[in-house]
Amino acid sequence: MHDDPTPLPTNVPTTVPASPTAVTTSPDARPPMIVAERLVKHFGDAVAVDGVDLEVYKGEIFGFLGPNGAGKTTTIRLLTGLLTPTSGRALVGGHDVALAPIAARATMAYLPDTPYLYEKLTGREFIHFVAGLYRVTPEHAARRLDELLPLFDLADRADDLIEGYSHGMRQKTLMVAALVHDPEVMFLDEPTIGLDPRSARLMRDILRRLADNGTTVFFSTHILEIAERMCDRIAIIHRGRIVAQGTMAELRQIARQNETLEDIFLEVTGGAAVAELAQVLA
């Protein structure tokens, strides 16, 4: 089930063994754009990611859910090449992230949960800087800015220094920078944090349009309603392991009696007892 999209400009860009409790689906002949093969990451004696297997297909919106500390951000950093796995491997766009990092990163964009931008640059300068890293010509970058800045309500502030931007404006500036090179794969870590309701809705609509045009979207969120409405498939990670994955219909089969994503999430992450206690105390 997806939100009914608000009107958008037409120029918005466009087998791994499963864990024991996972449900996997090959939706059609679309190629996998993101593959995790038994990904493991240790920090000293702590196991942050413990044998994660995933396949995410071209044009999918894939939601990645889990409690705090479950391994969501670490997994995303492994998939984007920001961390080196203890074992296992990640492929993005058909490229091994460890063995062919430049080719893999050329296909992707990454929006972290905490946006960091160069505050002494203007928004326009920062986006041109990012475009240059991806070898986008200044002319093409300027055309993309003309398309994207009004879409994100940034046109009037694009020439102001970033140090004067709010959190939401910084998040939207990062989104424009991520789209300037027309990535095939987008990784977003809590993309709606700090956005007002209108901007959050716009972000969701744009991600849906991108996926419909063939971009693969992988995002984590704590807002289960957003994941339930937006995602084609969902994976839930708990204590570093995937405990469930599939479409909403498939996840309902795992939880059997439960229907909402919140119910399923609590069931597979051991939060049902907490929910029952909250009802007693209410």
Protein backbone atom coordinates (compact mmCIF):
# COMPACT_ATOMS: atom_id res chain seq x y z
CA MET A 1 0.00 0.00 0.00
CA HIS A 2 1.48 3.36 -0.99
CA ASP A 3 0.53 6.99 -0.37
CA ASP A 4 -1.33 8.61 -3.23
CA PRO A 5 1.48 10.69 -4.69
CA THR A 6 1.26 14.46 -4.93
CA PRO A 7 1.90 15.79 -8.46
CA LEU A 8 5.58 15.88 -9.28
CA PRO A 9 7.51 17.15 -12.30
CA THR A 10 8.06 14.44 -14.88
CA ASN A 11 11.80 15.14 -14.93
CA VAL A 12 12.47 13.62 -11.50
CA PRO A 13 15.23 11.04 -12.14
CA THR A 14 14.71 8.21 -12.40
CA THR A 15 20.66 -16.22 -5.27
CA VAL A 16 21.80 -15.53 -1.89
CA PRO A 17 20.79 -18.08 0.80
CA ALA A 18 18.19 -16.62 3.11
CA SER A 19 18.40 -16.56 6.88
CA PRO A 20 16.28 -19.29 8.49
CA THR A 21 13.35 -17.07 9.43
CA ALA A 22 13.34 -14.98 6.27
CA VAL A 23 10.81 -15.06 3.48
CA THR A 24 12.36 -14.27 0.10
CA THR A 25 10.65 -13.31 -3.11
CA SER A 26 12.05 -12.83 -6.60
CA PRO A 27 9.45 -10.35 -7.85
CA ASP A 28 10.23 -10.84 -11.55
CA ALA A 29 13.23 -10.93 -13.84
CA ARG A 30 14.63 -7.66 -12.44
CA PRO A 31 18.31 -7.92 -11.49
CA PRO A 32 19.40 -7.56 -7.88
CA MET A 33 21.02 -4.16 -7.40
CA ILE A 34 22.03 -4.72 -3.76
CA VAL A 35 23.34 -8.06 -2.52
CA ALA A 36 24.61 -8.92 0.95
CA GLU A 37 26.22 -12.33 1.34
CA ARG A 38 26.66 -13.47 4.94
CA LEU A 39 27.83 -10.03 6.05
CA VAL A 40 29.50 -10.01 9.47
CA LYS A 41 30.96 -7.07 11.37
CA HIS A 42 32.72 -7.26 14.73
CA PHE A 43 33.82 -4.30 16.84
CA GLY A 44 36.21 -5.98 19.23
CA ASP A 45 34.20 -8.67 21.00
CA ALA A 46 30.87 -7.08 20.03
CA VAL A 47 29.03 -8.53 17.03
CA ALA A 48 27.16 -5.69 15.31
CA VAL A 49 26.11 -7.58 12.15
CA ASP A 50 25.85 -11.36 12.23
CA GLY A 51 25.47 -13.10 8.86
CA VAL A 52 23.12 -10.75 6.99
CA ASP A 53 21.82 -12.00 3.62
CA LEU A 54 19.82 -9.65 1.40
CA GLU A 55 18.83 -9.13 -2.21
CA VAL A 56 17.18 -5.89 -3.29
CA TYR A 57 15.94 -5.60 -6.85
CA LYS A 58 15.95 -2.83 -9.42
CA GLY A 59 13.10 -0.39 -8.86
CA GLU A 60 12.26 -1.58 -5.35
CA ILE A 61 11.72 0.48 -2.23
CA PHE A 62 13.20 -1.72 0.48
CA GLY A 63 12.61 -0.83 4.13
CA PHE A 64 15.17 -1.81 6.75
CA LEU A 65 13.77 -1.82 10.28
CA GLY A 66 15.04 -2.72 13.72
CA PRO A 67 15.28 -1.55 17.33
CA ASN A 68 17.98 0.88 18.38
CA GLY A 69 21.36 -0.84 18.26
CA ALA A 70 20.08 -3.70 16.08
CA GLY A 71 22.68 -3.13 13.35
CA LYS A 72 20.79 -1.00 10.80
CA THR A 73 23.32 1.78 10.35
CA THR A 74 26.28 -0.62 10.49
CA THR A 75 24.70 -2.73 7.74
CA ILE A 76 24.14 0.34 5.56
CA ARG A 77 27.75 1.41 6.08
CA LEU A 78 28.92 -2.06 5.06
CA LEU A 79 26.77 -1.96 1.92
CA THR A 80 28.07 1.48 0.96
CA GLY A 81 31.72 0.62 1.62
CA LEU A 82 32.15 2.98 4.56
CA LEU A 83 33.01 -0.02 6.75
CA THR A 84 34.98 -3.14 5.86
CA PRO A 85 33.19 -6.38 6.80
CA THR A 86 34.82 -8.87 9.14
CA SER A 87 33.59 -11.51 6.68
CA GLY A 88 31.10 -11.83 3.85
CA ARG A 89 30.70 -9.42 0.97
CA ALA A 90 28.44 -6.72 -0.45
CA LEU A 91 27.65 -5.96 -4.09
CA VAL A 92 25.98 -2.82 -5.40
CA GLY A 93 25.07 -2.48 -9.06
CA GLY A 94 26.85 -5.78 -9.70
CA HIS A 95 30.16 -4.47 -8.30
CA ASP A 96 31.89 -5.88 -5.23
CA VAL A 97 32.04 -2.95 -2.83
CA ALA A 98 35.40 -4.05 -1.40
CA LEU A 99 37.11 -5.12 -4.64
CA ALA A 100 35.70 -2.44 -6.98
CA PRO A 101 34.80 0.45 -4.66
CA ILE A 102 34.93 3.24 -7.26
CA ALA A 103 32.67 1.40 -9.71
CA ALA A 104 30.24 0.48 -6.91
CA ARG A 105 30.08 4.01 -5.49
CA ALA A 106 29.54 5.51 -8.94
CA THR A 107 26.16 3.75 -9.03
CA MET A 108 24.97 4.85 -5.59
CA ALA A 109 24.06 7.77 -3.37
CA TYR A 110 24.06 7.72 0.44
CA LEU A 111 22.18 10.01 2.83
CA PRO A 112 23.31 9.51 6.44
CA ASP A 113 21.03 10.03 9.41
CA THR A 114 23.09 13.03 10.56
CA PRO A 115 23.78 15.34 7.62
CA TYR A 116 27.28 16.80 7.47
CA LEU A 117 27.91 19.55 4.95
CA TYR A 118 30.65 22.14 4.50
CA GLU A 119 29.13 25.09 6.30
CA LYS A 120 31.25 27.77 4.60
CA LEU A 121 29.90 26.78 1.19
CA THR A 122 26.56 27.84 -0.17
CA GLY A 123 24.04 25.15 -0.96
CA ARG A 124 24.67 25.60 -4.67
CA GLU A 125 28.45 25.39 -4.23
CA PHE A 126 28.15 22.21 -2.15
CA ILE A 127 25.96 20.50 -4.74
CA HIS A 128 28.37 21.47 -7.53
CA PHE A 129 31.22 20.10 -5.41
CA VAL A 130 29.44 16.74 -5.05
CA ALA A 131 28.62 16.73 -8.76
CA GLY A 132 32.32 17.15 -9.51
CA LEU A 133 33.17 14.12 -7.39
CA TYR A 134 30.89 12.08 -9.62
CA ARG A 135 32.40 13.67 -12.76
CA VAL A 136 29.15 15.39 -13.67
CA THR A 137 29.84 18.30 -16.00
CA PRO A 138 29.10 21.80 -14.64
CA GLU A 139 26.54 22.30 -17.41
CA HIS A 140 24.64 19.13 -16.54
CA ALA A 141 24.84 19.92 -12.82
CA ALA A 142 23.41 23.40 -13.46
CA ARG A 143 20.49 21.90 -15.40
CA ARG A 144 19.80 19.42 -12.62
CA LEU A 145 19.90 22.22 -10.03
CA ASP A 146 17.35 24.20 -12.03
CA GLU A 147 15.07 21.13 -11.88
CA LEU A 148 15.68 20.02 -8.30
CA LEU A 149 16.09 23.18 -6.20
CA PRO A 150 12.51 24.42 -6.75
CA LEU A 151 11.21 20.90 -6.13
CA PHE A 152 12.75 20.94 -2.65
CA ASP A 153 11.90 24.61 -1.92
CA LEU A 154 15.58 25.52 -1.90
CA ALA A 155 15.77 27.88 -4.88
CA ASP A 156 15.54 31.04 -2.75
CA ARG A 157 18.24 29.89 -0.31
CA ALA A 158 20.63 28.07 -2.66
CA ASP A 159 23.15 30.94 -2.57
CA ASP A 160 23.11 31.31 1.23
CA LEU A 161 25.84 29.76 3.37
CA ILE A 162 24.93 26.31 4.68
CA GLU A 163 25.80 27.39 8.23
CA GLY A 164 22.47 29.25 8.25
CA TYR A 165 20.42 26.22 7.16
CA SER A 166 18.04 24.34 9.44
CA HIS A 167 18.37 20.56 9.85
CA GLY A 168 15.55 20.04 7.36
CA MET A 169 17.18 22.32 4.78
CA ARG A 170 20.47 20.47 5.18
CA GLN A 171 18.68 17.15 4.67
CA LYS A 172 17.02 18.44 1.50
CA THR A 173 20.34 19.87 0.24
CA LEU A 174 21.91 16.45 0.69
CA MET A 175 19.00 14.90 -1.21
CA VAL A 176 19.55 17.26 -4.16
CA ALA A 177 23.29 16.49 -4.07
CA ALA A 178 22.48 12.78 -4.05
CA LEU A 179 20.25 13.08 -7.11
CA VAL A 180 22.52 15.29 -9.20
CA HIS A 181 24.34 12.30 -10.76
CA ASP A 182 21.16 10.22 -11.28
CA PRO A 183 22.17 7.25 -9.08
CA GLU A 184 20.93 3.74 -9.77
CA VAL A 185 20.83 2.91 -6.04
CA MET A 186 20.01 5.15 -3.08
CA PHE A 187 20.78 4.37 0.56
CA LEU A 188 18.96 6.53 3.10
CA ASP A 189 19.39 6.28 6.86
CA GLU A 190 16.32 7.78 8.59
CA PRO A 191 15.63 10.20 5.70
CA THR A 192 12.58 11.91 7.23
CA ILE A 193 14.17 12.84 10.59
CA GLY A 194 13.97 16.59 11.12
CA LEU A 195 11.64 17.22 8.19
CA ASP A 196 8.33 19.03 8.60
CA PRO A 197 5.24 17.06 7.51
CA ARG A 198 5.11 18.67 4.05
CA SER A 199 8.80 17.99 3.37
CA ALA A 200 8.51 14.44 4.70
CA ARG A 201 5.56 13.79 2.38
CA LEU A 202 7.48 15.29 -0.54
CA MET A 203 10.46 13.05 0.26
CA ARG A 204 8.22 9.96 0.26
CA ASP A 205 6.60 10.93 -3.04
CA ILE A 206 9.96 11.55 -4.70
CA LEU A 207 11.33 8.20 -3.53
CA ARG A 208 8.24 6.48 -4.94
CA ARG A 209 8.68 8.24 -8.28
CA LEU A 210 12.37 7.34 -8.36
CA ALA A 211 11.58 3.67 -7.74
CA ASP A 212 8.87 3.69 -10.40
CA ASN A 213 11.52 4.97 -12.82
CA GLY A 214 13.93 2.15 -11.93
CA THR A 215 16.01 3.50 -9.05
CA THR A 216 16.55 1.08 -6.18
CA VAL A 217 15.81 2.68 -2.78
CA PHE A 218 17.10 1.15 0.47
CA PHE A 219 16.16 3.06 3.60
CA SER A 220 15.99 2.61 7.33
CA THR A 221 13.34 4.23 9.48
CA HIS A 222 11.84 4.08 12.96
CA ILE A 223 8.48 5.27 11.63
CA LEU A 224 6.71 2.00 10.93
CA GLU A 225 3.71 3.64 9.28
CA ILE A 226 5.97 5.15 6.61
CA ALA A 227 7.58 1.77 5.94
CA GLU A 228 4.21 0.02 5.75
CA ARG A 229 2.83 2.56 3.28
CA MET A 230 5.90 2.96 1.08
CA CYS A 231 7.87 -0.24 0.89
CA ASP A 232 7.62 -3.02 -1.65
CA ARG A 233 9.50 -5.31 0.75
CA ILE A 234 10.79 -4.99 4.29
CA ALA A 235 13.52 -6.63 6.36
CA ILE A 236 13.66 -6.53 10.16
CA ILE A 237 17.04 -6.84 11.87
CA HIS A 238 17.43 -7.71 15.56
CA ARG A 239 20.71 -8.18 17.38
CA GLY A 240 22.59 -8.15 14.10
CA ARG A 241 20.50 -10.83 12.37
CA ILE A 242 17.66 -10.64 9.88
CA VAL A 243 14.66 -12.08 11.72
CA ALA A 244 12.06 -11.50 8.99
CA GLN A 245 11.88 -10.18 5.46
CA GLY A 246 9.37 -10.06 2.64
CA THR A 247 6.31 -8.19 1.45
CA MET A 248 3.71 -7.13 3.98
CA ALA A 249 1.60 -10.15 2.97
CA GLU A 250 4.56 -12.47 3.60
CA LEU A 251 5.39 -10.83 6.93
CA ARG A 252 1.79 -11.32 8.03
CA GLN A 253 2.21 -15.06 7.34
CA ILE A 254 5.22 -15.10 9.68
CA ALA A 255 3.32 -13.37 12.50
CA ARG A 256 0.06 -15.20 11.67
CA GLN A 257 -2.36 -13.39 13.97
CA ASN A 258 -0.89 -9.92 13.56
CA GLU A 259 -1.75 -7.56 10.76
CA THR A 260 -0.02 -4.21 11.26
CA LEU A 261 3.70 -3.73 10.79
CA GLU A 262 3.93 -2.57 14.39
CA ASP A 263 2.44 -5.88 15.59
CA ILE A 264 4.82 -7.87 13.37
CA PHE A 265 7.81 -5.79 14.47
CA LEU A 266 7.03 -6.34 18.17
CA GLU A 267 6.46 -10.05 17.61
CA VAL A 268 9.77 -10.76 15.85
CA THR A 269 11.92 -8.45 18.00
CA GLY A 270 10.56 -9.62 21.35
CA GLY A 271 8.73 -6.40 22.09
CA ALA A 272 5.28 -7.93 22.54
CA ALA A 273 5.71 -8.18 26.31
CA VAL A 274 6.60 -4.49 26.51
CA ALA A 275 3.52 -3.60 24.48
CA GLU A 276 1.32 -5.68 26.82
CA LEU A 277 2.83 -3.94 29.86
CA ALA A 278 2.15 -0.54 28.32
CA GLN A 279 -1.49 -1.51 27.81
CA VAL A 280 -1.79 -2.56 31.45
CA LEU A 281 -0.30 0.71 32.65
CA ALA A 282 -2.40 2.85 30.29
